[in-house]
C-alpha atoms as a PDB file:
ATOM      1  CA  MET A   1      23.663  -7.245 -31.826  1.00  0.00           C
ATOM      2  CA  PRO A   2      26.518  -6.235 -34.156  1.00  0.00           C
ATOM      3  CA  PHE A   3      30.177  -6.447 -33.217  1.00  0.00           C
ATOM      4  CA  THR A   4      31.749  -3.214 -32.132  1.00  0.00           C
ATOM      5  CA  LYS A   5      35.390  -2.381 -32.598  1.00  0.00           C
ATOM      6  CA  GLY A   6      37.428  -2.885 -29.439  1.00  0.00           C
ATOM      7  CA  ASP A   7      34.759  -5.014 -27.680  1.00  0.00           C
ATOM      8  CA  PRO A   8      36.585  -6.779 -24.797  1.00  0.00           C
ATOM      9  CA  ASN A   9      34.170  -9.766 -24.951  1.00  0.00           C
ATOM     10  CA  ILE A  10      35.411 -10.901 -28.389  1.00  0.00           C
ATOM     11  CA  ASN A  11      37.826 -13.826 -28.267  1.00  0.00           C
ATOM     12  CA  ARG A  12      40.573 -12.650 -30.600  1.00  0.00           C
ATOM     13  CA  SER A  13      42.807 -15.685 -30.165  1.00  0.00           C
ATOM     14  CA  GLY A  14      40.169 -18.190 -31.346  1.00  0.00           C
ATOM     15  CA  ARG A  15      39.765 -21.752 -30.195  1.00  0.00           C
ATOM     16  CA  PRO A  16      42.939 -23.096 -28.551  1.00  0.00           C
ATOM     17  CA  LYS A  17      44.976 -25.485 -30.708  1.00  0.00           C
ATOM     18  CA  GLY A  18      44.101 -29.114 -30.040  1.00  0.00           C
ATOM     19  CA  SER A  19      40.759 -28.380 -28.387  1.00  0.00           C
ATOM     20  CA  PRO A  20      37.813 -30.286 -29.878  1.00  0.00           C
ATOM     21  CA  ASN A  21      35.215 -28.572 -32.017  1.00  0.00           C
ATOM     22  CA  LEU A  22      32.158 -29.130 -29.822  1.00  0.00           C
ATOM     23  CA  ILE A  23      29.570 -28.435 -32.534  1.00  0.00           C
ATOM     24  CA  ASN A  24      31.094 -31.062 -34.853  1.00  0.00           C
ATOM     25  CA  GLN A  25      31.206 -33.548 -31.979  1.00  0.00           C
ATOM     26  CA  GLU A  26      27.529 -32.954 -31.168  1.00  0.00           C
ATOM     27  CA  ILE A  27      26.554 -33.395 -34.826  1.00  0.00           C
ATOM     28  CA  ARG A  28      28.504 -36.669 -35.046  1.00  0.00           C
ATOM     29  CA  GLU A  29      26.841 -37.953 -31.893  1.00  0.00           C
ATOM     30  CA  ALA A  30      23.372 -37.022 -33.160  1.00  0.00           C
ATOM     31  CA  TYR A  31      24.062 -38.672 -36.540  1.00  0.00           C
ATOM     32  CA  ALA A  32      25.336 -41.798 -34.774  1.00  0.00           C
ATOM     33  CA  MET A  33      22.196 -41.912 -32.629  1.00  0.00           C
ATOM     34  CA  VAL A  34      19.936 -41.677 -35.683  1.00  0.00           C
ATOM     35  CA  LEU A  35      21.859 -44.466 -37.411  1.00  0.00           C
ATOM     36  CA  GLU A  36      21.868 -46.597 -34.284  1.00  0.00           C
ATOM     37  CA  ASN A  37      18.072 -46.350 -34.088  1.00  0.00           C
ATOM     38  CA  ARG A  38      17.750 -47.294 -37.787  1.00  0.00           C
ATOM     39  CA  LEU A  39      20.400 -50.044 -37.794  1.00  0.00           C
ATOM     40  CA  PRO A  40      18.004 -52.927 -38.574  1.00  0.00           C
ATOM     41  CA  ASP A  41      16.539 -50.959 -41.499  1.00  0.00           C
ATOM     42  CA  LEU A  42      19.989 -49.888 -42.677  1.00  0.00           C
ATOM     43  CA  ASN A  43      21.156 -53.501 -42.710  1.00  0.00           C
ATOM     44  CA  ARG A  44      18.121 -54.472 -44.790  1.00  0.00           C
ATOM     45  CA  TRP A  45      18.580 -51.527 -47.181  1.00  0.00           C
ATOM     46  CA  ILE A  46      22.244 -52.356 -47.786  1.00  0.00           C
ATOM     47  CA  GLY A  47      21.243 -55.989 -48.374  1.00  0.00           C
ATOM     48  CA  GLN A  48      18.657 -54.937 -50.965  1.00  0.00           C
ATOM     49  CA  VAL A  49      21.172 -52.762 -52.804  1.00  0.00           C
ATOM     50  CA  ALA A  50      23.736 -55.593 -52.681  1.00  0.00           C
ATOM     51  CA  GLN A  51      21.348 -57.965 -54.466  1.00  0.00           C
ATOM     52  CA  ASP A  52      21.300 -55.699 -57.521  1.00  0.00           C
ATOM     53  CA  ASP A  53      24.769 -54.155 -57.297  1.00  0.00           C
ATOM     54  CA  PRO A  54      27.266 -55.443 -54.690  1.00  0.00           C
ATOM     55  CA  ALA A  55      29.813 -52.781 -55.660  1.00  0.00           C
ATOM     56  CA  LYS A  56      27.307 -50.013 -54.941  1.00  0.00           C
ATOM     57  CA  ALA A  57      26.492 -51.573 -51.559  1.00  0.00           C
ATOM     58  CA  ALA A  58      30.188 -51.655 -50.680  1.00  0.00           C
ATOM     59  CA  ASP A  59      30.506 -48.033 -51.811  1.00  0.00           C
ATOM     60  CA  LEU A  60      27.591 -47.031 -49.580  1.00  0.00           C
ATOM     61  CA  LEU A  61      29.194 -48.742 -46.604  1.00  0.00           C
ATOM     62  CA  MET A  62      32.489 -46.975 -47.279  1.00  0.00           C
ATOM     63  CA  LYS A  63      30.769 -43.590 -47.503  1.00  0.00           C
ATOM     64  CA  LEU A  64      28.887 -44.292 -44.297  1.00  0.00           C
ATOM     65  CA  SER A  65      32.058 -45.328 -42.478  1.00  0.00           C
ATOM     66  CA  GLU A  66      33.675 -41.993 -43.397  1.00  0.00           C
ATOM     67  CA  ARG A  67      31.293 -40.352 -40.932  1.00  0.00           C
ATOM     68  CA  PHE A  68      32.705 -42.318 -38.005  1.00  0.00           C
ATOM     69  CA  LEU A  69      36.203 -43.481 -38.894  1.00  0.00           C
ATOM     70  CA  PRO A  70      38.983 -41.006 -39.550  1.00  0.00           C
ATOM     71  CA  LEU A  71      40.429 -41.042 -43.046  1.00  0.00           C
ATOM     72  CA  LEU A  72      44.079 -41.929 -43.279  1.00  0.00           C
ATOM     73  CA  ALA A  73      46.254 -39.245 -44.757  1.00  0.00           C
ATOM     74  CA  ARG A  74      48.333 -40.201 -47.763  1.00  0.00           C
ATOM     75  CA  THR A  75      51.993 -39.481 -47.133  1.00  0.00           C
ATOM     76  CA  GLU A  76      55.028 -39.668 -49.353  1.00  0.00           C
ATOM     77  CA  ILE A  77      58.448 -40.405 -47.937  1.00  0.00           C
ATOM     78  CA  THR A  78      61.381 -38.941 -49.825  1.00  0.00           C
ATOM     79  CA  GLY A  79      65.058 -38.390 -49.229  1.00  0.00           C
ATOM     80  CA  ALA A  80      66.850 -35.089 -48.937  1.00  0.00           C
ATOM     81  CA  ASP A  81      65.483 -32.477 -51.340  1.00  0.00           C
ATOM     82  CA  GLY A  82      62.806 -34.896 -52.570  1.00  0.00           C
ATOM     83  CA  ALA A  83      65.284 -37.510 -53.830  1.00  0.00           C
ATOM     84  CA  ASP A  84      64.037 -41.059 -54.435  1.00  0.00           C
ATOM     85  CA  LEU A  85      64.868 -43.251 -51.429  1.00  0.00           C
ATOM     86  CA  PHE A  86      64.824 -46.444 -53.494  1.00  0.00           C
ATOM     87  CA  LYS A  87      66.963 -45.470 -56.484  1.00  0.00           C
ATOM     88  CA  ASN A  88      69.838 -47.751 -55.418  1.00  0.00           C
ATOM     89  CA  LEU A  89      67.660 -50.636 -54.238  1.00  0.00           C
ATOM     90  CA  LYS A  90      68.253 -53.932 -56.067  1.00  0.00           C
ATOM     91  CA  PHE A  91      66.657 -57.313 -55.607  1.00  0.00           C
ATOM     92  CA  ASP A  92      68.471 -60.613 -56.023  1.00  0.00           C
ATOM     93  CA  PHE A  93      66.159 -63.583 -56.290  1.00  0.00           C
ATOM     94  CA  GLY A  94      68.921 -66.175 -56.658  1.00  0.00           C
ATOM     95  CA  ASP A  95      69.797 -68.292 -59.666  1.00  0.00           C
ATOM     96  CA  GLU A  96      67.442 -68.394 -62.604  1.00  0.00           C
ATOM     97  CA  GLN A  97      65.363 -71.545 -62.868  1.00  0.00           C
ATOM     98  CA  ASP A  98      65.387 -73.690 -65.967  1.00  0.00           C
ATOM     99  CA  SER A  99      62.186 -72.770 -67.784  1.00  0.00           C
ATOM    100  CA  GLY A 100      61.865 -76.314 -69.128  1.00  0.00           C
ATOM    101  CA  THR A 101      61.252 -77.973 -65.753  1.00  0.00           C
ATOM    102  CA  ASP A 102      57.732 -78.748 -64.669  1.00  0.00           C
ATOM    103  CA  LEU A 103      57.156 -77.726 -61.028  1.00  0.00           C
ATOM    104  CA  THR A 104      53.614 -79.101 -60.774  1.00  0.00           C
END
């Protein structure tokens, strides 16, 4: 059934701000259920990959975690008009040590 202009049943304001996207939530839950049922196999598969390439196994775990853990947004803190907040920051580590002394 096509949309008709002026149809009073069409929600013109969309989904209210802050309300959850129910389809995405259902998909996440279904994906989690599939993984939960295959957890012993998944553990074995990751272990097999780790024997040949531990970095790839870690990468797989990171990609898998992205499905369930929210990614942290990268933020940059700046001063007024984008000025560097740390331009006047100086460190004083005390007196210089004599390079000839053995500290071991």
